[in-house]
Amino acid sequence: MEKPLDKDETYRRRLIMAAHRRGFLEAELILGRFVDREIMNLSSEELADLERIMALEDLDLWEIICRRKKTPPDLNLELLEKIRGMLPAPPVSG
């Protein structure tokens, strides 16, 4: 018999599914990569912060991730920086 899912595990699964089903491909790729690598390491508070970040419209979120738009003060900046860490490195010119 399978063990019932606890509240955080159910929450994590819902966030994983939401990250992989974005309307904007770039946001989906970055958020999907982030949740695949980090979701099990996030605290309950960070999960709630991630949900707030993911509630943003895709284009707004993308502009914030790329630092083209100011980060709203209610977002967890440390978590946002971890998400930004999923961006590919810019090409080296030379």
PDB file of N, CA and C in Angstrom:
ATOM      1  N   MET A   1       0.838  -1.180   0.000  1.00  0.00           N
ATOM      2  CA  MET A   1       0.000   0.000   0.000  1.00  0.00           C
ATOM      3  C   MET A   1       0.888   1.249   0.000  1.00  0.00           C
ATOM      4  N   GLU A   2       0.548   2.211  -0.857  1.00  0.00           N
ATOM      5  CA  GLU A   2       1.338   3.439  -0.940  1.00  0.00           C
ATOM      6  C   GLU A   2       1.085   4.337   0.249  1.00  0.00           C
ATOM      7  N   LYS A   3       2.152   4.983   0.682  1.00  0.00           N
ATOM      8  CA  LYS A   3       2.055   5.957   1.769  1.00  0.00           C
ATOM      9  C   LYS A   3       1.359   7.212   1.237  1.00  0.00           C
ATOM     10  N   PRO A   4       0.392   7.750   1.983  1.00  0.00           N
ATOM     11  CA  PRO A   4      -0.255   8.986   1.517  1.00  0.00           C
ATOM     12  C   PRO A   4       0.744  10.143   1.465  1.00  0.00           C
ATOM     13  N   LEU A   5       0.533  11.037   0.521  1.00  0.00           N
ATOM     14  CA  LEU A   5       1.416  12.190   0.372  1.00  0.00           C
ATOM     15  C   LEU A   5       1.178  13.176   1.500  1.00  0.00           C
ATOM     16  N   ASP A   6       2.268  13.733   2.031  1.00  0.00           N
ATOM     17  CA  ASP A   6       2.086  14.784   3.032  1.00  0.00           C
ATOM     18  C   ASP A   6       1.811  16.105   2.318  1.00  0.00           C
ATOM     19  N   LYS A   7       1.433  17.094   3.089  1.00  0.00           N
ATOM     20  CA  LYS A   7       1.024  18.386   2.534  1.00  0.00           C
ATOM     21  C   LYS A   7       2.128  19.015   1.675  1.00  0.00           C
ATOM     22  N   ASP A   8       3.373  19.014   2.175  1.00  0.00           N
ATOM     23  CA  ASP A   8       4.475  19.616   1.410  1.00  0.00           C
ATOM     24  C   ASP A   8       4.753  18.848   0.117  1.00  0.00           C
ATOM     25  N   GLU A   9       4.635  17.523   0.169  1.00  0.00           N
ATOM     26  CA  GLU A   9       4.902  16.738  -1.036  1.00  0.00           C
ATOM     27  C   GLU A   9       3.845  17.020  -2.109  1.00  0.00           C
ATOM     28  N   THR A  10       2.606  17.126  -1.701  1.00  0.00           N
ATOM     29  CA  THR A  10       1.532  17.470  -2.632  1.00  0.00           C
ATOM     30  C   THR A  10       1.768  18.859  -3.212  1.00  0.00           C
ATOM     31  N   TYR A  11       2.152  19.781  -2.358  1.00  0.00           N
ATOM     32  CA  TYR A  11       2.448  21.159  -2.765  1.00  0.00           C
ATOM     33  C   TYR A  11       3.592  21.171  -3.775  1.00  0.00           C
ATOM     34  N   ARG A  12       4.653  20.409  -3.474  1.00  0.00           N
ATOM     35  CA  ARG A  12       5.801  20.342  -4.379  1.00  0.00           C
ATOM     36  C   ARG A  12       5.375  19.815  -5.754  1.00  0.00           C
ATOM     37  N   ARG A  13       4.595  18.757  -5.768  1.00  0.00           N
ATOM     38  CA  ARG A  13       4.160  18.174  -7.043  1.00  0.00           C
ATOM     39  C   ARG A  13       3.340  19.174  -7.858  1.00  0.00           C
ATOM     40  N   ARG A  14       2.497  19.927  -7.181  1.00  0.00           N
ATOM     41  CA  ARG A  14       1.681  20.929  -7.871  1.00  0.00           C
ATOM     42  C   ARG A  14       2.567  22.018  -8.474  1.00  0.00           C
ATOM     43  N   LEU A  15       3.591  22.453  -7.716  1.00  0.00           N
ATOM     44  CA  LEU A  15       4.509  23.480  -8.221  1.00  0.00           C
ATOM     45  C   LEU A  15       5.344  22.957  -9.387  1.00  0.00           C
ATOM     46  N   ILE A  16       5.760  21.702  -9.307  1.00  0.00           N
ATOM     47  CA  ILE A  16       6.527  21.097 -10.404  1.00  0.00           C
ATOM     48  C   ILE A  16       5.685  21.090 -11.678  1.00  0.00           C
ATOM     49  N   MET A  17       4.442  20.657 -11.559  1.00  0.00           N
ATOM     50  CA  MET A  17       3.568  20.616 -12.725  1.00  0.00           C
ATOM     51  C   MET A  17       3.355  22.023 -13.289  1.00  0.00           C
ATOM     52  N   ALA A  18       3.136  22.992 -12.417  1.00  0.00           N
ATOM     53  CA  ALA A  18       2.913  24.374 -12.870  1.00  0.00           C
ATOM     54  C   ALA A  18       4.158  24.943 -13.548  1.00  0.00           C
ATOM     55  N   ALA A  19       5.344  24.595 -13.048  1.00  0.00           N
ATOM     56  CA  ALA A  19       6.589  25.098 -13.639  1.00  0.00           C
ATOM     57  C   ALA A  19       6.790  24.559 -15.049  1.00  0.00           C
ATOM     58  N   HIS A  20       6.347  23.337 -15.280  1.00  0.00           N
ATOM     59  CA  HIS A  20       6.530  22.701 -16.586  1.00  0.00           C
ATOM     60  C   HIS A  20       5.391  22.984 -17.556  1.00  0.00           C
ATOM     61  N   ARG A  21       4.416  23.783 -17.137  1.00  0.00           N
ATOM     62  CA  ARG A  21       3.274  24.088 -18.010  1.00  0.00           C
ATOM     63  C   ARG A  21       3.042  25.587 -18.100  1.00  0.00           C
ATOM     64  N   ARG A  22       4.073  26.292 -18.454  1.00  0.00           N
ATOM     65  CA  ARG A  22       3.973  27.743 -18.615  1.00  0.00           C
ATOM     66  C   ARG A  22       3.574  28.063 -20.047  1.00  0.00           C
ATOM     67  N   GLY A  23       3.063  29.242 -20.268  1.00  0.00           N
ATOM     68  CA  GLY A  23       2.676  29.651 -21.606  1.00  0.00           C
ATOM     69  C   GLY A  23       3.827  30.233 -22.416  1.00  0.00           C
ATOM     70  N   PHE A  24       4.932  30.501 -21.753  1.00  0.00           N
ATOM     71  CA  PHE A  24       6.094  31.138 -22.375  1.00  0.00           C
ATOM     72  C   PHE A  24       7.256  30.164 -22.244  1.00  0.00           C
ATOM     73  N   LEU A  25       7.773  29.684 -23.360  1.00  0.00           N
ATOM     74  CA  LEU A  25       8.757  28.606 -23.356  1.00  0.00           C
ATOM     75  C   LEU A  25       9.967  28.908 -22.482  1.00  0.00           C
ATOM     76  N   GLU A  26      10.507  30.114 -22.580  1.00  0.00           N
ATOM     77  CA  GLU A  26      11.701  30.446 -21.805  1.00  0.00           C
ATOM     78  C   GLU A  26      11.432  30.336 -20.305  1.00  0.00           C
ATOM     79  N   ALA A  27      10.281  30.837 -19.860  1.00  0.00           N
ATOM     80  CA  ALA A  27       9.925  30.734 -18.438  1.00  0.00           C
ATOM     81  C   ALA A  27       9.759  29.271 -18.041  1.00  0.00           C
ATOM     82  N   GLU A  28       9.147  28.492 -18.907  1.00  0.00           N
ATOM     83  CA  GLU A  28       8.960  27.068 -18.629  1.00  0.00           C
ATOM     84  C   GLU A  28      10.302  26.350 -18.494  1.00  0.00           C
ATOM     85  N   LEU A  29      11.233  26.647 -19.386  1.00  0.00           N
ATOM     86  CA  LEU A  29      12.541  25.988 -19.336  1.00  0.00           C
ATOM     87  C   LEU A  29      13.304  26.338 -18.063  1.00  0.00           C
ATOM     88  N   ILE A  30      13.323  27.624 -17.698  1.00  0.00           N
ATOM     89  CA  ILE A  30      14.072  28.055 -16.516  1.00  0.00           C
ATOM     90  C   ILE A  30      13.411  27.547 -15.241  1.00  0.00           C
ATOM     91  N   LEU A  31      12.102  27.738 -15.117  1.00  0.00           N
ATOM     92  CA  LEU A  31      11.400  27.279 -13.915  1.00  0.00           C
ATOM     93  C   LEU A  31      11.411  25.758 -13.818  1.00  0.00           C
ATOM     94  N   GLY A  32      11.237  25.087 -14.951  1.00  0.00           N
ATOM     95  CA  GLY A  32      11.276  23.628 -14.951  1.00  0.00           C
ATOM     96  C   GLY A  32      12.622  23.102 -14.490  1.00  0.00           C
ATOM     97  N   ARG A  33      13.686  23.685 -15.007  1.00  0.00           N
ATOM     98  CA  ARG A  33      15.034  23.282 -14.602  1.00  0.00           C
ATOM     99  C   ARG A  33      15.236  23.535 -13.109  1.00  0.00           C
ATOM    100  N   PHE A  34      14.771  24.692 -12.644  1.00  0.00           N
ATOM    101  CA  PHE A  34      14.931  25.033 -11.232  1.00  0.00           C
ATOM    102  C   PHE A  34      14.193  24.042 -10.333  1.00  0.00           C
ATOM    103  N   VAL A  35      12.921  23.791 -10.607  1.00  0.00           N
ATOM    104  CA  VAL A  35      12.175  22.889  -9.720  1.00  0.00           C
ATOM    105  C   VAL A  35      12.711  21.467  -9.797  1.00  0.00           C
ATOM    106  N   ASP A  36      13.141  21.029 -10.973  1.00  0.00           N
ATOM    107  CA  ASP A  36      13.702  19.683 -11.088  1.00  0.00           C
ATOM    108  C   ASP A  36      14.937  19.519 -10.207  1.00  0.00           C
ATOM    109  N   ARG A  37      15.734  20.563 -10.098  1.00  0.00           N
ATOM    110  CA  ARG A  37      16.983  20.478  -9.326  1.00  0.00           C
ATOM    111  C   ARG A  37      16.826  20.850  -7.857  1.00  0.00           C
ATOM    112  N   GLU A  38      15.920  21.771  -7.547  1.00  0.00           N
ATOM    113  CA  GLU A  38      15.918  22.374  -6.211  1.00  0.00           C
ATOM    114  C   GLU A  38      14.675  22.158  -5.354  1.00  0.00           C
ATOM    115  N   ILE A  39      13.578  21.697  -5.908  1.00  0.00           N
ATOM    116  CA  ILE A  39      12.313  21.704  -5.167  1.00  0.00           C
ATOM    117  C   ILE A  39      12.390  20.922  -3.858  1.00  0.00           C
ATOM    118  N   MET A  40      13.126  19.832  -3.833  1.00  0.00           N
ATOM    119  CA  MET A  40      13.200  19.022  -2.612  1.00  0.00           C
ATOM    120  C   MET A  40      14.035  19.694  -1.525  1.00  0.00           C
ATOM    121  N   ASN A  41      14.806  20.705  -1.883  1.00  0.00           N
ATOM    122  CA  ASN A  41      15.638  21.416  -0.912  1.00  0.00           C
ATOM    123  C   ASN A  41      14.961  22.654  -0.342  1.00  0.00           C
ATOM    124  N   LEU A  42      13.772  22.996  -0.831  1.00  0.00           N
ATOM    125  CA  LEU A  42      13.103  24.223  -0.402  1.00  0.00           C
ATOM    126  C   LEU A  42      12.271  23.989   0.852  1.00  0.00           C
ATOM    127  N   SER A  43      12.318  24.953   1.746  1.00  0.00           N
ATOM    128  CA  SER A  43      11.497  24.914   2.959  1.00  0.00           C
ATOM    129  C   SER A  43      10.045  25.232   2.601  1.00  0.00           C
ATOM    130  N   SER A  44       9.153  25.043   3.548  1.00  0.00           N
ATOM    131  CA  SER A  44       7.738  25.387   3.331  1.00  0.00           C
ATOM    132  C   SER A  44       7.588  26.863   2.982  1.00  0.00           C
ATOM    133  N   GLU A  45       8.354  27.708   3.650  1.00  0.00           N
ATOM    134  CA  GLU A  45       8.302  29.150   3.373  1.00  0.00           C
ATOM    135  C   GLU A  45       8.789  29.447   1.955  1.00  0.00           C
ATOM    136  N   GLU A  46       9.873  28.791   1.551  1.00  0.00           N
ATOM    137  CA  GLU A  46      10.398  29.001   0.198  1.00  0.00           C
ATOM    138  C   GLU A  46       9.427  28.472  -0.862  1.00  0.00           C
ATOM    139  N   LEU A  47       8.710  27.398  -0.551  1.00  0.00           N
ATOM    140  CA  LEU A  47       7.708  26.895  -1.488  1.00  0.00           C
ATOM    141  C   LEU A  47       6.623  27.942  -1.711  1.00  0.00           C
ATOM    142  N   ALA A  48       6.193  28.581  -0.626  1.00  0.00           N
ATOM    143  CA  ALA A  48       5.185  29.649  -0.742  1.00  0.00           C
ATOM    144  C   ALA A  48       5.748  30.823  -1.541  1.00  0.00           C
ATOM    145  N   ASP A  49       7.028  31.149  -1.320  1.00  0.00           N
ATOM    146  CA  ASP A  49       7.672  32.226  -2.082  1.00  0.00           C
ATOM    147  C   ASP A  49       7.754  31.862  -3.563  1.00  0.00           C
ATOM    148  N   LEU A  50       8.074  30.609  -3.850  1.00  0.00           N
ATOM    149  CA  LEU A  50       8.132  30.149  -5.238  1.00  0.00           C
ATOM    150  C   LEU A  50       6.757  30.255  -5.890  1.00  0.00           C
ATOM    151  N   GLU A  51       5.726  29.912  -5.156  1.00  0.00           N
ATOM    152  CA  GLU A  51       4.376  30.029  -5.703  1.00  0.00           C
ATOM    153  C   GLU A  51       4.054  31.485  -6.045  1.00  0.00           C
ATOM    154  N   ARG A  52       4.479  32.424  -5.193  1.00  0.00           N
ATOM    155  CA  ARG A  52       4.260  33.851  -5.474  1.00  0.00           C
ATOM    156  C   ARG A  52       5.007  34.275  -6.739  1.00  0.00           C
ATOM    157  N   ILE A  53       6.230  33.800  -6.877  1.00  0.00           N
ATOM    158  CA  ILE A  53       7.017  34.116  -8.076  1.00  0.00           C
ATOM    159  C   ILE A  53       6.329  33.539  -9.313  1.00  0.00           C
ATOM    160  N   MET A  54       5.885  32.297  -9.206  1.00  0.00           N
ATOM    161  CA  MET A  54       5.269  31.632 -10.349  1.00  0.00           C
ATOM    162  C   MET A  54       3.883  32.182 -10.674  1.00  0.00           C
ATOM    163  N   ALA A  55       3.284  32.929  -9.771  1.00  0.00           N
ATOM    164  CA  ALA A  55       1.971  33.532 -10.024  1.00  0.00           C
ATOM    165  C   ALA A  55       2.065  34.738 -10.957  1.00  0.00           C
ATOM    166  N   LEU A  56       3.283  35.234 -11.166  1.00  0.00           N
ATOM    167  CA  LEU A  56       3.466  36.361 -12.082  1.00  0.00           C
ATOM    168  C   LEU A  56       3.151  35.931 -13.511  1.00  0.00           C
ATOM    169  N   GLU A  57       2.714  36.883 -14.303  1.00  0.00           N
ATOM    170  CA  GLU A  57       2.527  36.618 -15.733  1.00  0.00           C
ATOM    171  C   GLU A  57       3.883  36.241 -16.328  1.00  0.00           C
ATOM    172  N   ASP A  58       3.870  35.327 -17.289  1.00  0.00           N
ATOM    173  CA  ASP A  58       5.120  34.817 -17.855  1.00  0.00           C
ATOM    174  C   ASP A  58       6.059  35.905 -18.359  1.00  0.00           C
ATOM    175  N   LEU A  59       5.540  36.854 -19.121  1.00  0.00           N
ATOM    176  CA  LEU A  59       6.421  37.891 -19.673  1.00  0.00           C
ATOM    177  C   LEU A  59       6.987  38.783 -18.575  1.00  0.00           C
ATOM    178  N   ASP A  60       6.185  39.111 -17.576  1.00  0.00           N
ATOM    179  CA  ASP A  60       6.692  39.895 -16.441  1.00  0.00           C
ATOM    180  C   ASP A  60       7.767  39.113 -15.704  1.00  0.00           C
ATOM    181  N   LEU A  61       7.497  37.836 -15.459  1.00  0.00           N
ATOM    182  CA  LEU A  61       8.469  36.988 -14.766  1.00  0.00           C
ATOM    183  C   LEU A  61       9.775  36.916 -15.549  1.00  0.00           C
ATOM    184  N   TRP A  62       9.670  36.720 -16.851  1.00  0.00           N
ATOM    185  CA  TRP A  62      10.871  36.636 -17.682  1.00  0.00           C
ATOM    186  C   TRP A  62      11.679  37.935 -17.623  1.00  0.00           C
ATOM    187  N   GLU A  63      10.990  39.074 -17.704  1.00  0.00           N
ATOM    188  CA  GLU A  63      11.673  40.370 -17.629  1.00  0.00           C
ATOM    189  C   GLU A  63      12.356  40.548 -16.269  1.00  0.00           C
ATOM    190  N   ILE A  64      11.736  40.078 -15.207  1.00  0.00           N
ATOM    191  CA  ILE A  64      12.333  40.167 -13.865  1.00  0.00           C
ATOM    192  C   ILE A  64      13.541  39.237 -13.768  1.00  0.00           C
ATOM    193  N   ILE A  65      13.401  38.011 -14.253  1.00  0.00           N
ATOM    194  CA  ILE A  65      14.520  37.059 -14.217  1.00  0.00           C
ATOM    195  C   ILE A  65      15.715  37.618 -14.984  1.00  0.00           C
ATOM    196  N   CYS A  66      15.451  38.242 -16.129  1.00  0.00           N
ATOM    197  CA  CYS A  66      16.527  38.792 -16.969  1.00  0.00           C
ATOM    198  C   CYS A  66      16.996  40.171 -16.517  1.00  0.00           C
ATOM    199  N   ARG A  67      16.440  40.659 -15.429  1.00  0.00           N
ATOM    200  CA  ARG A  67      16.791  41.968 -14.856  1.00  0.00           C
ATOM    201  C   ARG A  67      16.445  43.137 -15.783  1.00  0.00           C
ATOM    202  N   ARG A  68      15.456  42.965 -16.612  1.00  0.00           N
ATOM    203  CA  ARG A  68      14.989  44.053 -17.473  1.00  0.00           C
ATOM    204  C   ARG A  68      13.856  44.825 -16.811  1.00  0.00           C
ATOM    205  N   LYS A  69      13.319  44.252 -15.765  1.00  0.00           N
ATOM    206  CA  LYS A  69      12.214  44.854 -15.034  1.00  0.00           C
ATOM    207  C   LYS A  69      12.547  44.775 -13.545  1.00  0.00           C
ATOM    208  N   LYS A  70      12.173  45.803 -12.808  1.00  0.00           N
ATOM    209  CA  LYS A  70      12.464  45.862 -11.377  1.00  0.00           C
ATOM    210  C   LYS A  70      11.760  44.724 -10.634  1.00  0.00           C
ATOM    211  N   THR A  71      12.472  44.133  -9.685  1.00  0.00           N
ATOM    212  CA  THR A  71      11.911  43.060  -8.875  1.00  0.00           C
ATOM    213  C   THR A  71      10.940  43.635  -7.854  1.00  0.00           C
ATOM    214  N   PRO A  72       9.697  43.153  -7.842  1.00  0.00           N
ATOM    215  CA  PRO A  72       8.750  43.628  -6.828  1.00  0.00           C
ATOM    216  C   PRO A  72       9.281  43.333  -5.422  1.00  0.00           C
ATOM    217  N   PRO A  73       9.076  44.240  -4.477  1.00  0.00           N
ATOM    218  CA  PRO A  73       9.651  44.080  -3.136  1.00  0.00           C
ATOM    219  C   PRO A  73       9.093  42.900  -2.347  1.00  0.00           C
ATOM    220  N   ASP A  74       7.944  42.369  -2.753  1.00  0.00           N
ATOM    221  CA  ASP A  74       7.355  41.255  -2.009  1.00  0.00           C
ATOM    222  C   ASP A  74       7.902  39.894  -2.432  1.00  0.00           C
ATOM    223  N   LEU A  75       8.778  39.860  -3.432  1.00  0.00           N
ATOM    224  CA  LEU A  75       9.349  38.587  -3.872  1.00  0.00           C
ATOM    225  C   LEU A  75      10.622  38.272  -3.096  1.00  0.00           C
ATOM    226  N   ASN A  76      10.865  36.995  -2.879  1.00  0.00           N
ATOM    227  CA  ASN A  76      12.052  36.514  -2.187  1.00  0.00           C
ATOM    228  C   ASN A  76      13.241  36.644  -3.147  1.00  0.00           C
ATOM    229  N   LEU A  77      14.079  37.648  -2.913  1.00  0.00           N
ATOM    230  CA  LEU A  77      15.199  37.938  -3.812  1.00  0.00           C
ATOM    231  C   LEU A  77      16.215  36.794  -3.835  1.00  0.00           C
ATOM    232  N   GLU A  78      16.458  36.181  -2.689  1.00  0.00           N
ATOM    233  CA  GLU A  78      17.415  35.071  -2.635  1.00  0.00           C
ATOM    234  C   GLU A  78      16.932  33.900  -3.506  1.00  0.00           C
ATOM    235  N   LEU A  79      15.656  33.598  -3.427  1.00  0.00           N
ATOM    236  CA  LEU A  79      15.091  32.526  -4.245  1.00  0.00           C
ATOM    237  C   LEU A  79      15.126  32.912  -5.725  1.00  0.00           C
ATOM    238  N   LEU A  80      14.830  34.143  -6.018  1.00  0.00           N
ATOM    239  CA  LEU A  80      14.874  34.630  -7.397  1.00  0.00           C
ATOM    240  C   LEU A  80      16.293  34.522  -7.960  1.00  0.00           C
ATOM    241  N   GLU A  81      17.291  34.800  -7.141  1.00  0.00           N
ATOM    242  CA  GLU A  81      18.683  34.658  -7.590  1.00  0.00           C
ATOM    243  C   GLU A  81      19.011  33.198  -7.893  1.00  0.00           C
ATOM    244  N   LYS A  82      18.466  32.274  -7.108  1.00  0.00           N
ATOM    245  CA  LYS A  82      18.674  30.849  -7.390  1.00  0.00           C
ATOM    246  C   LYS A  82      18.044  30.482  -8.733  1.00  0.00           C
ATOM    247  N   ILE A  83      16.864  31.027  -9.001  1.00  0.00           N
ATOM    248  CA  ILE A  83      16.206  30.776 -10.287  1.00  0.00           C
ATOM    249  C   ILE A  83      17.046  31.372 -11.415  1.00  0.00           C
ATOM    250  N   ARG A  84      17.555  32.579 -11.209  1.00  0.00           N
ATOM    251  CA  ARG A  84      18.418  33.209 -12.223  1.00  0.00           C
ATOM    252  C   ARG A  84      19.660  32.367 -12.495  1.00  0.00           C
ATOM    253  N   GLY A  85      20.100  31.609 -11.508  1.00  0.00           N
ATOM    254  CA  GLY A  85      21.247  30.730 -11.682  1.00  0.00           C
ATOM    255  C   GLY A  85      21.008  29.627 -12.704  1.00  0.00           C
ATOM    256  N   MET A  86      19.767  29.419 -13.092  1.00  0.00           N
ATOM    257  CA  MET A  86      19.428  28.412 -14.099  1.00  0.00           C
ATOM    258  C   MET A  86      19.577  28.947 -15.522  1.00  0.00           C
ATOM    259  N   LEU A  87      19.763  30.266 -15.653  1.00  0.00           N
ATOM    260  CA  LEU A  87      19.962  30.854 -16.983  1.00  0.00           C
ATOM    261  C   LEU A  87      21.277  30.353 -17.568  1.00  0.00           C
ATOM    262  N   PRO A  88      21.316  30.116 -18.864  1.00  0.00           N
ATOM    263  CA  PRO A  88      22.590  29.733 -19.475  1.00  0.00           C
ATOM    264  C   PRO A  88      23.584  30.889 -19.395  1.00  0.00           C
ATOM    265  N   ALA A  89      24.833  30.547 -19.314  1.00  0.00           N
ATOM    266  CA  ALA A  89      25.881  31.574 -19.272  1.00  0.00           C
ATOM    267  C   ALA A  89      25.915  32.306 -20.611  1.00  0.00           C
ATOM    268  N   PRO A  90      26.146  33.626 -20.577  1.00  0.00           N
ATOM    269  CA  PRO A  90      26.244  34.360 -21.845  1.00  0.00           C
ATOM    270  C   PRO A  90      27.472  33.893 -22.627  1.00  0.00           C
ATOM    271  N   PRO A  91      27.398  33.951 -23.943  1.00  0.00           N
ATOM    272  CA  PRO A  91      28.545  33.520 -24.747  1.00  0.00           C
ATOM    273  C   PRO A  91      29.753  34.421 -24.501  1.00  0.00           C
ATOM    274  N   VAL A  92      30.908  33.815 -24.560  1.00  0.00           N
ATOM    275  CA  VAL A  92      32.157  34.555 -24.387  1.00  0.00           C
ATOM    276  C   VAL A  92      32.579  35.075 -25.751  1.00  0.00           C
ATOM    277  N   SER A  93      32.786  36.373 -25.829  1.00  0.00           N
ATOM    278  CA  SER A  93      33.219  36.942 -27.108  1.00  0.00           C
ATOM    279  C   SER A  93      34.742  36.966 -27.147  1.00  0.00           C
ATOM    280  N   GLY A  94      35.226  36.914 -28.306  1.00  0.00           N
ATOM    281  CA  GLY A  94      36.636  37.052 -28.291  1.00  0.00           C
ATOM    282  C   GLY A  94      37.364  36.609 -29.437  1.00  0.00           C
TER     283      GLY A  94
END
